[in-house]
Amino acid sequence: MELKVRYVLLLAVGLWSTLLLTTVTAHQEEEDEPIMEMGGDMDVEDEMEELDHGEELLDGEVEADMPPGPPPVPKVTYKAPEPTGEHFFAESFDMGTLDRPFIFDTKPLIVQYEVNFQQGIDCGGAYVKLLSQTPDLNLDEFVDKTPYTIMFGPDKCGEDYKLHFIFRHKNPKTGEYEEKHAKKPDSDLRTYYTDKKTHLYTLVVNPDNSFEVLVDQAVVNSGNLLTDMTPPINPAAEIEDPDDHKPEDWDERPKIQDPDAVKPEDWDEDAPKQIPDEDAVKPDGWLDDESEYTSDPDAVKPEDWDEDMDGEWEAPQVPNALCETAPGCGAWQRPMIDNPSYKGKWKAPMIDNPNYQGVWKPRKIANPAFFEDLHPFRMTPFNAVGLELWSMSSDIFFDNFFITNERHTADRWANDGWGLKKAAEGAAEPGLVNQMMTAADERPWLWVVYVLTVAVPLVLIIVFCCTGKKTAAAAADYKKTDEPQPDVKEEEVVEKAEADQVKEEKSQPGKNSPSPFRSLQKQEDDLLRRSPRNRKLRKD
């Protein structure tokens, strides 16, 4: 049974590993094709007429000039979403609106937009900045130093995959601004940067200071502005006194050498760690007069050798052929062994320091810069959106920016825009078999994996079904062993004894026979006495 389970597990692991490997390979090696053109003024009515016409052909007869073949892939028609509901900013690059500044009061902030790294990305960012509302804001002079309220979006360089959520917090005491960074997401963000698909990035900041970061409408990071930002919103109430210094006589040593310890008289610090082995004997046949290397007798001085420039020519050294068959060559020396008298340099043992005062720390004082802001959600209002692009990769696709304070309005905008693109990309993806074939064409070594995946299960099935040892239990083996054997089926023996008793009574009706019950009881006692359970094992 255990062998069957191993075969089944091995077969399942092999099939699963192959499917996973080929699927991941196919996704990683997709051709670098730009995404479909997403025009905002496509004629939806014409597309619907084509679909209706296709349905009529399916319900009726096939036209004569239509060649037979597989059904066509459903065509997804994209139309730029139209903003509805409460919103502050909507930009689909077909028509954009900027109704009014966003003020952080009693409703949440929801920011979302779409990004597609059409060629992948090596190093660069695709984040947005919500520019603070200030009197001197000039969008024609937008630079990296332009004040912003929130920075949000993907950023990657090397193997560092980030999804920024940064906001600038105003110190209520000094009026200065400081960047606060959200904790790093726990989710693996690698796929969003490498699959060359359109992804929807959403930031939700609530008046209760909670926040959520979503990708494709799935939460990848969440927390609270008061507890999950670095550096913290509010400084510590106490700090270490910068004017406090450790006293010169402060003892931080938990252990010290015992001052009363004395080195033993027989302690020899000069004894070597290893000494020659006096019991060693030089092997027979050792060639003392031969060196391990000798001059190459076949070497010839080069014709262009100049002794004035190159010095006296010497033949190169080669291993001595005589030493190959001998136990050794050259002067024999005794091997070194550990010195049993070696003790090394003596050191006094360590004891607890009676003057230990612990690790010194400066005293705490009240933080003069302390403040407590319990409502960091009330950030600086913003009235513009900026893209600060720094990238080593081209063809970064942005679309459908949207800012609102209603979650359902943001979801509707996402479904009308990103939802259609997701459906279109899903319809264009090849099936699993095509992915496996494409991956094998690009990586021929995958054919070996496919063959092994098919061959190994077949071999296991053949071994499992066509081989094995048949056990035959002979009656003689029961008699030859002294080991305990399974009990005889007592019920069958009792029934047979009852039948024999009845036959005996019928054949001798005139004789005074003992009671059937007593005969039956006697046979049962004999049966139990002969049972292997009551039989003692003989000692060998």
Protein backbone atom coordinates (compact mmCIF):
# COMPACT_ATOMS: atom_id res chain seq x y z
CA MET A 1 0.00 0.00 0.00
CA GLU A 2 2.84 2.36 0.85
CA LEU A 3 4.42 1.69 -2.55
CA LYS A 4 1.15 2.56 -4.32
CA VAL A 5 0.90 5.85 -2.49
CA ARG A 6 4.48 6.77 -3.48
CA TYR A 7 3.78 6.04 -7.15
CA VAL A 8 0.62 8.14 -7.14
CA LEU A 9 2.32 11.06 -5.36
CA LEU A 10 5.29 10.97 -7.72
CA LEU A 11 2.99 10.97 -10.74
CA ALA A 12 0.95 13.90 -9.41
CA VAL A 13 4.06 15.95 -8.58
CA GLY A 14 5.53 15.35 -12.05
CA LEU A 15 2.39 16.45 -13.89
CA TRP A 16 1.86 19.48 -11.67
CA SER A 17 5.48 20.63 -11.99
CA THR A 18 5.36 20.43 -15.79
CA LEU A 19 2.12 22.38 -16.09
CA LEU A 20 3.41 25.06 -13.72
CA LEU A 21 6.78 25.34 -15.46
CA THR A 22 5.32 25.64 -18.94
CA THR A 23 2.65 28.12 -17.88
CA VAL A 24 5.17 30.41 -16.18
CA THR A 25 7.59 30.11 -19.10
CA ALA A 26 4.91 30.94 -21.60
CA HIS A 27 3.92 34.06 -19.68
CA GLN A 28 7.53 35.20 -19.31
CA GLU A 29 8.36 34.74 -22.97
CA GLU A 30 5.34 36.36 -24.61
CA GLU A 31 6.22 38.31 -27.72
CA ASP A 32 6.83 41.99 -27.15
CA GLU A 33 3.67 43.19 -28.84
CA PRO A 34 2.11 46.53 -27.95
CA ILE A 35 -1.32 46.41 -26.46
CA MET A 36 -4.38 46.91 -28.61
CA GLU A 37 -5.28 50.41 -29.65
CA MET A 38 -7.89 51.69 -27.23
CA GLY A 39 -9.67 54.40 -29.16
CA GLY A 40 -12.22 56.40 -27.28
CA ASP A 41 -14.68 57.03 -30.14
CA MET A 42 -15.21 53.50 -31.48
CA ASP A 43 -18.55 52.75 -33.11
CA VAL A 44 -20.26 50.45 -30.67
CA GLU A 45 -23.43 50.09 -32.76
CA ASP A 46 -21.50 48.66 -35.73
CA GLU A 47 -19.82 46.15 -33.47
CA MET A 48 -23.16 45.08 -31.99
CA GLU A 49 -24.58 44.65 -35.49
CA GLU A 50 -21.68 42.36 -36.38
CA LEU A 51 -22.29 40.29 -33.25
CA ASP A 52 -26.06 40.09 -33.97
CA HIS A 53 -25.32 39.01 -37.52
CA GLY A 54 -23.01 36.28 -36.20
CA GLU A 55 -25.76 35.01 -33.88
CA GLU A 56 -28.22 34.83 -36.79
CA LEU A 57 -25.76 32.69 -38.73
CA LEU A 58 -25.44 30.29 -35.81
CA ASP A 59 -29.23 29.95 -35.49
CA GLY A 60 -29.81 29.53 -39.22
CA GLU A 61 -27.94 27.95 -42.09
CA VAL A 62 -24.28 28.65 -42.81
CA GLU A 63 -23.73 30.90 -45.78
CA ALA A 64 -22.29 29.20 -48.80
CA ASP A 65 -19.23 31.41 -49.10
CA MET A 66 -18.28 31.00 -45.43
CA PRO A 67 -15.46 28.45 -45.07
CA PRO A 68 -15.90 25.94 -42.26
CA GLY A 69 -13.65 26.36 -39.26
CA PRO A 70 -13.53 26.98 -35.53
CA PRO A 71 -15.84 29.63 -34.08
CA PRO A 72 -14.29 33.11 -34.02
CA VAL A 73 -12.91 34.56 -30.80
CA PRO A 74 -15.40 37.01 -29.27
CA LYS A 75 -14.37 40.58 -30.00
CA VAL A 76 -14.36 42.97 -27.05
CA THR A 77 -15.14 46.53 -28.00
CA TYR A 78 -13.55 49.20 -25.85
CA LYS A 79 -15.06 52.59 -25.19
CA ALA A 80 -13.60 55.21 -22.91
CA PRO A 81 -15.51 55.33 -19.61
CA GLU A 82 -17.66 58.33 -18.89
CA PRO A 83 -17.44 59.87 -15.42
CA THR A 84 -20.57 59.63 -13.34
CA GLY A 85 -21.29 60.29 -9.69
CA GLU A 86 -19.30 62.43 -7.31
CA HIS A 87 -15.73 62.93 -8.57
CA PHE A 88 -12.98 65.55 -8.61
CA PHE A 89 -10.81 64.48 -11.53
CA ALA A 90 -11.34 62.16 -14.50
CA GLU A 91 -8.90 61.75 -17.39
CA SER A 92 -9.25 59.08 -20.08
CA PHE A 93 -7.26 61.07 -22.67
CA ASP A 94 -10.40 61.43 -24.73
CA MET A 95 -11.95 64.05 -22.53
CA GLY A 96 -10.67 65.25 -19.17
CA THR A 97 -12.23 67.13 -16.30
CA LEU A 98 -10.84 68.88 -13.25
CA ASP A 99 -13.89 70.02 -11.35
CA ARG A 100 -12.47 71.36 -8.08
CA PRO A 101 -9.71 70.82 -5.53
CA PHE A 102 -9.92 67.86 -3.19
CA ILE A 103 -10.25 68.86 0.46
CA PHE A 104 -9.62 66.28 3.17
CA ASP A 105 -12.65 66.51 5.44
CA THR A 106 -15.19 63.79 6.27
CA LYS A 107 -15.09 61.65 3.12
CA PRO A 108 -12.41 59.26 1.86
CA LEU A 109 -9.92 59.90 -0.90
CA ILE A 110 -9.88 57.37 -3.75
CA VAL A 111 -7.22 57.62 -6.47
CA GLN A 112 -6.94 55.09 -9.27
CA TYR A 113 -5.37 54.82 -12.69
CA GLU A 114 -4.10 52.22 -15.17
CA VAL A 115 -0.51 51.34 -16.07
CA ASN A 116 0.88 48.88 -18.62
CA PHE A 117 4.61 48.24 -18.92
CA GLN A 118 4.33 47.17 -22.55
CA GLN A 119 8.03 46.27 -22.85
CA GLY A 120 8.47 45.29 -19.23
CA ILE A 121 10.58 47.53 -17.02
CA ASP A 122 14.18 47.35 -15.82
CA CYS A 123 14.46 50.50 -13.77
CA GLY A 124 11.93 53.27 -13.51
CA GLY A 125 8.69 54.46 -11.99
CA ALA A 126 5.10 55.06 -13.05
CA TYR A 127 3.80 56.89 -10.01
CA VAL A 128 1.62 59.99 -9.84
CA LYS A 129 1.84 63.07 -7.65
CA LEU A 130 -1.20 64.89 -6.33
CA LEU A 131 0.10 68.46 -6.43
CA SER A 132 -0.68 70.64 -3.45
CA GLN A 133 -2.91 73.66 -3.87
CA THR A 134 -0.61 76.66 -3.43
CA PRO A 135 -0.80 80.23 -4.73
CA ASP A 136 2.41 79.88 -6.73
CA LEU A 137 1.58 76.52 -8.42
CA ASN A 138 2.51 76.74 -12.11
CA LEU A 139 1.97 73.53 -14.05
CA ASP A 140 4.18 74.77 -16.88
CA GLU A 141 7.08 74.71 -14.44
CA PHE A 142 6.35 71.32 -12.86
CA VAL A 143 9.59 69.76 -11.54
CA ASP A 144 10.57 67.22 -8.92
CA LYS A 145 10.63 69.95 -6.24
CA THR A 146 7.04 71.02 -6.91
CA PRO A 147 5.12 70.57 -3.65
CA TYR A 148 2.84 67.54 -3.59
CA THR A 149 0.43 66.07 -1.07
CA ILE A 150 0.52 62.36 -2.02
CA MET A 151 2.79 60.29 -4.24
CA PHE A 152 1.37 56.93 -5.27
CA GLY A 153 2.17 54.20 -7.78
CA PRO A 154 4.57 51.46 -8.93
CA ASP A 155 8.34 51.83 -8.97
CA LYS A 156 11.03 49.27 -9.74
CA CYS A 157 14.79 49.08 -10.11
CA GLY A 158 16.66 45.80 -10.38
CA GLU A 159 14.93 43.25 -8.17
CA ASP A 160 13.42 45.86 -5.86
CA TYR A 161 9.68 46.01 -6.59
CA LYS A 162 7.90 48.90 -4.87
CA LEU A 163 4.40 50.30 -4.72
CA HIS A 164 4.73 53.76 -3.21
CA PHE A 165 2.31 55.48 -0.91
CA ILE A 166 3.98 58.62 0.42
CA PHE A 167 2.37 61.74 1.81
CA ARG A 168 3.83 65.00 3.06
CA HIS A 169 2.84 65.73 6.64
CA LYS A 170 2.90 69.27 8.01
CA ASN A 171 4.48 69.70 11.42
CA PRO A 172 1.93 71.66 13.47
CA LYS A 173 4.67 73.29 15.57
CA THR A 174 7.19 74.32 12.92
CA GLY A 175 5.07 74.33 9.77
CA GLU A 176 7.67 72.21 7.96
CA TYR A 177 6.73 69.25 5.77
CA GLU A 178 8.16 65.73 6.15
CA GLU A 179 7.64 62.71 3.88
CA LYS A 180 5.92 59.73 5.49
CA HIS A 181 6.32 56.35 3.77
CA ALA A 182 3.84 53.50 4.11
CA LYS A 183 5.13 50.09 5.11
CA LYS A 184 6.22 47.74 2.32
CA PRO A 185 3.48 45.46 0.93
CA ASP A 186 3.57 41.82 1.99
CA SER A 187 2.31 40.64 -1.42
CA ASP A 188 4.60 39.63 -4.29
CA LEU A 189 4.46 42.46 -6.84
CA ARG A 190 6.73 40.89 -9.49
CA THR A 191 3.94 39.82 -11.87
CA TYR A 192 2.53 43.33 -12.27
CA TYR A 193 5.85 44.53 -13.71
CA THR A 194 6.62 41.60 -16.02
CA ASP A 195 3.39 40.25 -17.56
CA LYS A 196 2.96 43.23 -19.95
CA LYS A 197 -0.72 43.59 -19.07
CA THR A 198 -2.81 46.56 -18.02
CA HIS A 199 -3.16 46.81 -14.25
CA LEU A 200 -5.39 49.03 -12.14
CA TYR A 201 -3.74 50.79 -9.18
CA THR A 202 -6.01 52.16 -6.45
CA LEU A 203 -5.31 54.10 -3.25
CA VAL A 204 -8.01 54.55 -0.59
CA VAL A 205 -7.39 56.85 2.40
CA ASN A 206 -10.21 57.12 4.94
CA PRO A 207 -11.04 59.87 7.45
CA ASP A 208 -10.38 57.40 10.30
CA ASN A 209 -6.70 57.34 9.16
CA SER A 210 -6.92 53.82 7.68
CA PHE A 211 -5.63 53.21 4.15
CA GLU A 212 -5.69 50.49 1.49
CA VAL A 213 -3.58 49.92 -1.60
CA LEU A 214 -5.15 47.75 -4.28
CA VAL A 215 -3.96 46.28 -7.57
CA ASP A 216 -6.63 45.00 -9.93
CA GLN A 217 -9.20 45.60 -7.17
CA ALA A 218 -7.37 43.25 -4.77
CA VAL A 219 -5.83 44.61 -1.55
CA VAL A 220 -2.02 44.26 -1.46
CA ASN A 221 -1.30 46.61 1.45
CA SER A 222 -3.27 48.19 4.26
CA GLY A 223 -2.67 49.94 7.55
CA ASN A 224 -3.13 53.11 9.55
CA LEU A 225 -1.50 56.49 9.12
CA LEU A 226 -0.75 56.68 12.85
CA THR A 227 0.97 53.32 13.21
CA ASP A 228 2.21 52.12 9.79
CA MET A 229 4.19 55.06 8.42
CA THR A 230 7.93 55.71 8.54
CA PRO A 231 9.00 57.92 10.20
CA PRO A 232 6.03 58.02 12.60
CA ILE A 233 3.54 60.84 12.37
CA ASN A 234 4.03 61.87 16.01
CA PRO A 235 7.49 62.09 17.58
CA ALA A 236 8.38 60.44 20.88
CA ALA A 237 7.29 62.25 24.05
CA GLU A 238 10.77 61.73 25.57
CA ILE A 239 14.22 61.71 24.06
CA GLU A 240 17.73 61.01 25.34
CA ASP A 241 19.44 63.99 26.86
CA PRO A 242 22.13 65.07 24.38
CA ASP A 243 24.06 66.79 27.20
CA ASP A 244 24.27 63.69 29.39
CA HIS A 245 27.62 61.84 29.28
CA LYS A 246 28.80 58.54 30.74
CA PRO A 247 30.91 58.92 33.93
CA GLU A 248 34.54 57.93 33.59
CA ASP A 249 34.32 55.35 36.41
CA TRP A 250 31.22 53.65 34.99
CA ASP A 251 31.92 49.89 34.75
CA GLU A 252 30.00 48.10 31.96
CA ARG A 253 31.95 44.83 32.16
CA PRO A 254 29.69 41.94 33.27
CA LYS A 255 32.71 39.56 33.62
CA ILE A 256 36.31 40.15 34.69
CA GLN A 257 39.39 37.96 35.15
CA ASP A 258 39.76 36.52 38.62
CA PRO A 259 42.45 38.67 40.30
CA ASP A 260 43.21 35.92 42.84
CA ALA A 261 43.88 33.21 40.26
CA VAL A 262 47.48 31.94 39.95
CA LYS A 263 49.05 30.06 37.08
CA PRO A 264 49.91 26.43 38.01
CA GLU A 265 53.61 25.67 38.40
CA ASP A 266 53.53 22.87 35.82
CA TRP A 267 51.90 25.09 33.19
CA ASP A 268 54.35 25.29 30.27
CA GLU A 269 53.39 28.15 27.97
CA ASP A 270 56.37 27.46 25.70
CA ALA A 271 55.39 23.89 24.84
CA PRO A 272 54.77 23.57 21.06
CA LYS A 273 51.32 22.63 19.81
CA GLN A 274 52.75 19.77 17.68
CA ILE A 275 55.84 17.57 18.03
CA PRO A 276 57.52 14.92 15.80
CA ASP A 277 56.15 11.41 16.16
CA GLU A 278 58.94 9.44 17.87
CA ASP A 279 57.30 6.13 17.03
CA ALA A 280 57.30 6.76 13.29
CA VAL A 281 59.66 4.65 11.14
CA LYS A 282 60.97 5.55 7.71
CA PRO A 283 59.28 3.32 5.10
CA ASP A 284 61.37 0.75 3.31
CA GLY A 285 62.48 1.84 -0.13
CA TRP A 286 62.55 5.54 0.67
CA LEU A 287 64.93 7.28 -1.76
CA ASP A 288 66.87 9.80 0.33
CA ASP A 289 69.23 10.77 -2.47
CA GLU A 290 66.52 11.44 -5.03
CA SER A 291 64.60 14.67 -5.32
CA GLU A 292 60.90 14.78 -6.09
CA TYR A 293 61.51 16.85 -9.23
CA THR A 294 64.29 16.69 -11.79
CA SER A 295 65.33 18.51 -14.95
CA ASP A 296 63.47 17.47 -18.08
CA PRO A 297 66.02 15.42 -20.08
CA ASP A 298 64.10 16.08 -23.33
CA ALA A 299 64.02 19.85 -22.94
CA VAL A 300 66.08 21.89 -25.44
CA LYS A 301 67.16 25.48 -25.02
CA PRO A 302 65.28 27.74 -27.42
CA GLU A 303 67.30 29.08 -30.31
CA ASP A 304 66.42 32.69 -29.51
CA TRP A 305 67.54 32.38 -25.88
CA ASP A 306 69.90 35.20 -25.03
CA GLU A 307 71.87 34.48 -21.86
CA ASP A 308 72.92 38.11 -21.59
CA MET A 309 69.29 39.16 -21.56
CA ASP A 310 67.53 36.09 -20.22
CA GLY A 311 70.19 34.67 -17.90
CA GLU A 312 71.52 31.13 -17.78
CA TRP A 313 69.06 28.67 -19.32
CA GLU A 314 67.79 25.84 -17.12
CA ALA A 315 65.66 22.91 -18.20
CA PRO A 316 62.15 22.92 -16.73
CA GLN A 317 61.47 20.66 -13.74
CA VAL A 318 59.36 17.53 -14.15
CA PRO A 319 58.30 14.85 -11.60
CA ASN A 320 61.04 12.31 -10.89
CA ALA A 321 60.04 8.99 -12.46
CA LEU A 322 61.90 7.05 -9.73
CA CYS A 323 59.69 8.55 -7.05
CA GLU A 324 56.51 7.27 -8.66
CA THR A 325 57.17 3.69 -7.54
CA ALA A 326 58.96 4.53 -4.26
CA PRO A 327 57.18 5.47 -0.99
CA GLY A 328 58.93 8.86 -1.13
CA CYS A 329 62.01 10.87 -2.11
CA GLY A 330 64.28 13.38 -0.44
CA ALA A 331 65.20 13.75 3.20
CA TRP A 332 62.75 11.79 5.34
CA GLN A 333 61.19 13.62 8.29
CA ARG A 334 59.05 12.34 11.10
CA PRO A 335 55.40 13.31 10.82
CA MET A 336 54.01 15.83 13.32
CA ILE A 337 51.44 14.88 15.96
CA ASP A 338 49.55 16.87 18.62
CA ASN A 339 51.60 17.56 21.73
CA PRO A 340 49.81 16.01 24.75
CA SER A 341 51.62 18.49 27.04
CA TYR A 342 50.46 21.56 25.13
CA LYS A 343 48.28 23.94 27.16
CA GLY A 344 48.82 27.27 25.43
CA LYS A 345 49.03 30.65 27.07
CA TRP A 346 47.57 30.68 30.55
CA LYS A 347 44.69 33.03 31.28
CA ALA A 348 42.96 33.69 34.53
CA PRO A 349 39.35 32.40 34.65
CA MET A 350 36.46 34.85 34.29
CA ILE A 351 34.21 35.69 37.23
CA ASP A 352 31.23 38.00 37.75
CA ASN A 353 32.25 41.62 38.06
CA PRO A 354 31.26 42.83 41.55
CA ASN A 355 31.36 46.45 40.30
CA TYR A 356 29.17 45.86 37.25
CA GLN A 357 26.75 48.77 36.76
CA GLY A 358 25.04 47.71 33.53
CA VAL A 359 25.09 49.31 30.09
CA TRP A 360 25.05 53.08 30.45
CA LYS A 361 22.31 55.05 28.75
CA PRO A 362 21.72 58.78 28.80
CA ARG A 363 18.78 59.93 30.85
CA LYS A 364 15.43 60.76 29.29
CA ILE A 365 14.10 64.27 29.02
CA ALA A 366 10.92 65.76 27.61
CA ASN A 367 11.05 66.13 23.83
CA PRO A 368 10.90 69.85 23.06
CA ALA A 369 9.68 69.05 19.53
CA PHE A 370 6.87 66.78 20.69
CA PHE A 371 3.39 67.16 19.26
CA GLU A 372 0.39 64.88 18.84
CA ASP A 373 -1.55 64.93 15.60
CA LEU A 374 -4.44 62.45 15.82
CA HIS A 375 -5.87 63.38 12.42
CA PRO A 376 -3.10 63.04 9.83
CA PHE A 377 -5.81 62.37 7.21
CA ARG A 378 -6.40 66.11 7.11
CA MET A 379 -3.67 66.72 4.57
CA THR A 380 -2.98 69.70 2.34
CA PRO A 381 -5.67 70.06 -0.38
CA PHE A 382 -4.54 69.34 -3.94
CA ASN A 383 -5.84 70.54 -7.30
CA ALA A 384 -3.63 68.95 -9.96
CA VAL A 385 -2.14 65.58 -10.96
CA GLY A 386 1.43 65.24 -12.17
CA LEU A 387 3.44 62.39 -13.69
CA GLU A 388 7.11 62.53 -12.75
CA LEU A 389 8.63 60.00 -15.14
CA TRP A 390 12.16 58.69 -14.80
CA SER A 391 12.63 55.40 -16.59
CA MET A 392 15.11 53.35 -18.59
CA SER A 393 12.25 51.50 -20.33
CA SER A 394 10.01 52.84 -23.07
CA ASP A 395 6.33 52.38 -23.91
CA ILE A 396 4.80 52.86 -20.48
CA PHE A 397 1.04 53.11 -20.97
CA PHE A 398 -1.12 55.32 -18.72
CA ASP A 399 -4.88 55.65 -18.89
CA ASN A 400 -8.12 56.44 -17.04
CA PHE A 401 -7.04 58.56 -14.09
CA PHE A 402 -9.86 59.03 -11.59
CA ILE A 403 -10.20 60.77 -8.23
CA THR A 404 -13.36 60.57 -6.14
CA ASN A 405 -14.67 60.22 -2.59
CA GLU A 406 -17.18 57.43 -3.39
CA ARG A 407 -16.05 53.82 -3.58
CA HIS A 408 -18.91 52.66 -5.80
CA THR A 409 -18.24 55.46 -8.27
CA ALA A 410 -14.59 54.41 -8.54
CA ASP A 411 -15.63 50.78 -9.03
CA ARG A 412 -18.01 51.72 -11.82
CA TRP A 413 -15.32 53.76 -13.57
CA ALA A 414 -12.90 50.80 -13.24
CA ASN A 415 -15.39 48.31 -14.66
CA ASP A 416 -16.19 50.57 -17.61
CA GLY A 417 -12.52 51.04 -18.47
CA TRP A 418 -10.05 48.56 -17.03
CA GLY A 419 -12.68 45.80 -16.95
CA LEU A 420 -13.04 45.90 -20.76
CA LYS A 421 -9.29 45.87 -21.27
CA LYS A 422 -8.93 42.88 -18.96
CA ALA A 423 -11.60 41.01 -20.94
CA ALA A 424 -9.88 41.85 -24.21
CA GLU A 425 -6.49 40.69 -22.98
CA GLY A 426 -8.02 37.51 -21.60
CA ALA A 427 -9.72 36.70 -24.93
CA ALA A 428 -6.42 37.15 -26.78
CA GLU A 429 -4.45 34.79 -24.54
CA PRO A 430 -3.60 31.38 -26.07
CA GLY A 431 -4.75 28.14 -24.48
CA LEU A 432 -2.59 25.95 -22.27
CA VAL A 433 -1.55 23.61 -25.10
CA ASN A 434 -0.53 26.53 -27.30
CA GLN A 435 1.43 28.03 -24.44
CA MET A 436 3.27 24.75 -23.94
CA MET A 437 4.09 24.47 -27.66
CA THR A 438 5.23 28.08 -27.88
CA ALA A 439 7.40 27.71 -24.80
CA ALA A 440 8.99 24.55 -26.22
CA ASP A 441 9.75 26.27 -29.52
CA GLU A 442 11.58 29.04 -27.70
CA ARG A 443 13.23 26.66 -25.22
CA PRO A 444 13.87 23.29 -26.91
CA TRP A 445 15.00 21.71 -23.65
CA LEU A 446 11.35 21.77 -22.55
CA TRP A 447 10.70 18.87 -24.95
CA VAL A 448 12.88 16.74 -22.67
CA VAL A 449 10.70 17.74 -19.74
CA TYR A 450 7.54 16.87 -21.66
CA VAL A 451 8.90 13.46 -22.70
CA LEU A 452 10.04 12.64 -19.19
CA THR A 453 6.72 13.74 -17.77
CA VAL A 454 4.95 11.26 -20.04
CA ALA A 455 7.52 8.46 -19.88
CA VAL A 456 8.01 8.39 -16.12
CA PRO A 457 4.31 7.83 -15.32
CA LEU A 458 4.10 5.10 -17.97
CA VAL A 459 7.10 3.30 -16.50
CA LEU A 460 5.63 3.59 -13.01
CA ILE A 461 2.31 2.21 -14.20
CA ILE A 462 4.02 -0.74 -15.90
CA VAL A 463 6.12 -1.46 -12.83
CA PHE A 464 3.10 -1.10 -10.60
CA CYS A 465 0.79 -3.34 -12.65
CA CYS A 466 3.08 -5.94 -14.18
CA THR A 467 5.54 -6.72 -11.42
CA GLY A 468 5.32 -7.80 -7.81
CA LYS A 469 5.67 -10.93 -5.77
CA LYS A 470 2.74 -13.29 -5.32
CA THR A 471 2.56 -14.73 -1.85
CA ALA A 472 1.44 -18.30 -1.53
CA ALA A 473 0.68 -19.63 1.90
CA ALA A 474 1.05 -23.41 1.97
CA ALA A 475 -0.49 -25.57 4.67
CA ALA A 476 2.86 -27.17 5.40
CA ASP A 477 4.31 -23.75 6.39
CA TYR A 478 1.74 -23.59 9.16
CA LYS A 479 3.09 -26.78 10.66
CA LYS A 480 6.78 -26.02 10.25
CA THR A 481 6.84 -22.83 12.27
CA ASP A 482 6.72 -22.39 16.00
CA GLU A 483 5.59 -18.76 15.75
CA PRO A 484 2.08 -17.81 16.89
CA GLN A 485 -0.51 -18.28 14.12
CA PRO A 486 -3.96 -16.76 13.64
CA ASP A 487 -6.75 -18.47 15.56
CA VAL A 488 -8.84 -21.19 13.92
CA LYS A 489 -12.33 -20.14 13.08
CA GLU A 490 -13.97 -21.50 16.22
CA GLU A 491 -17.54 -21.12 15.03
CA GLU A 492 -17.01 -23.45 12.06
CA VAL A 493 -15.37 -26.07 14.26
CA VAL A 494 -18.18 -25.90 16.83
CA GLU A 495 -20.84 -26.32 14.13
CA LYS A 496 -19.00 -29.34 12.75
CA ALA A 497 -18.78 -30.88 16.26
CA GLU A 498 -22.52 -30.44 16.75
CA ALA A 499 -23.26 -32.15 13.45
CA ASP A 500 -21.00 -35.11 14.30
CA GLN A 501 -22.70 -35.47 17.69
CA VAL A 502 -26.13 -35.63 16.10
CA LYS A 503 -24.97 -38.33 13.65
CA GLU A 504 -23.47 -40.37 16.48
CA GLU A 505 -26.71 -40.26 18.50
CA LYS A 506 -28.77 -41.37 15.53
CA SER A 507 -26.46 -44.30 14.76
CA GLN A 508 -26.52 -45.59 18.43
CA PRO A 509 -29.99 -44.85 19.78
CA GLY A 510 -29.93 -47.57 22.47
CA LYS A 511 -26.77 -46.60 24.22
CA ASN A 512 -26.58 -44.34 27.15
CA SER A 513 -24.58 -41.46 25.71
CA PRO A 514 -23.43 -38.45 27.63
CA SER A 515 -25.35 -35.20 27.38
CA PRO A 516 -24.91 -33.40 24.05
CA PHE A 517 -24.23 -30.26 25.98
CA ARG A 518 -21.36 -31.88 27.89
CA SER A 519 -19.88 -33.33 24.65
CA LEU A 520 -20.09 -30.00 22.98
CA GLN A 521 -18.50 -28.32 26.00
CA LYS A 522 -15.68 -30.85 25.97
CA GLN A 523 -14.98 -30.25 22.27
CA GLU A 524 -14.89 -26.54 22.83
CA ASP A 525 -12.41 -27.02 25.67
CA ASP A 526 -10.26 -29.21 23.41
CA LEU A 527 -10.44 -26.54 20.72
CA LEU A 528 -9.31 -23.80 23.07
CA ARG A 529 -6.53 -26.01 24.37
CA ARG A 530 -5.26 -26.63 20.85
CA SER A 531 -5.51 -22.93 19.92
CA PRO A 532 -2.12 -21.36 19.01
CA ARG A 533 -2.82 -18.55 21.45
CA ASN A 534 -2.56 -20.95 24.37
CA ARG A 535 0.51 -22.63 22.94
CA LYS A 536 3.84 -21.65 24.53
CA LEU A 537 6.78 -20.97 22.22
CA ARG A 538 9.56 -23.49 22.42
CA LYS A 539 12.96 -22.18 23.32
CA ASP A 540 15.63 -22.83 20.73
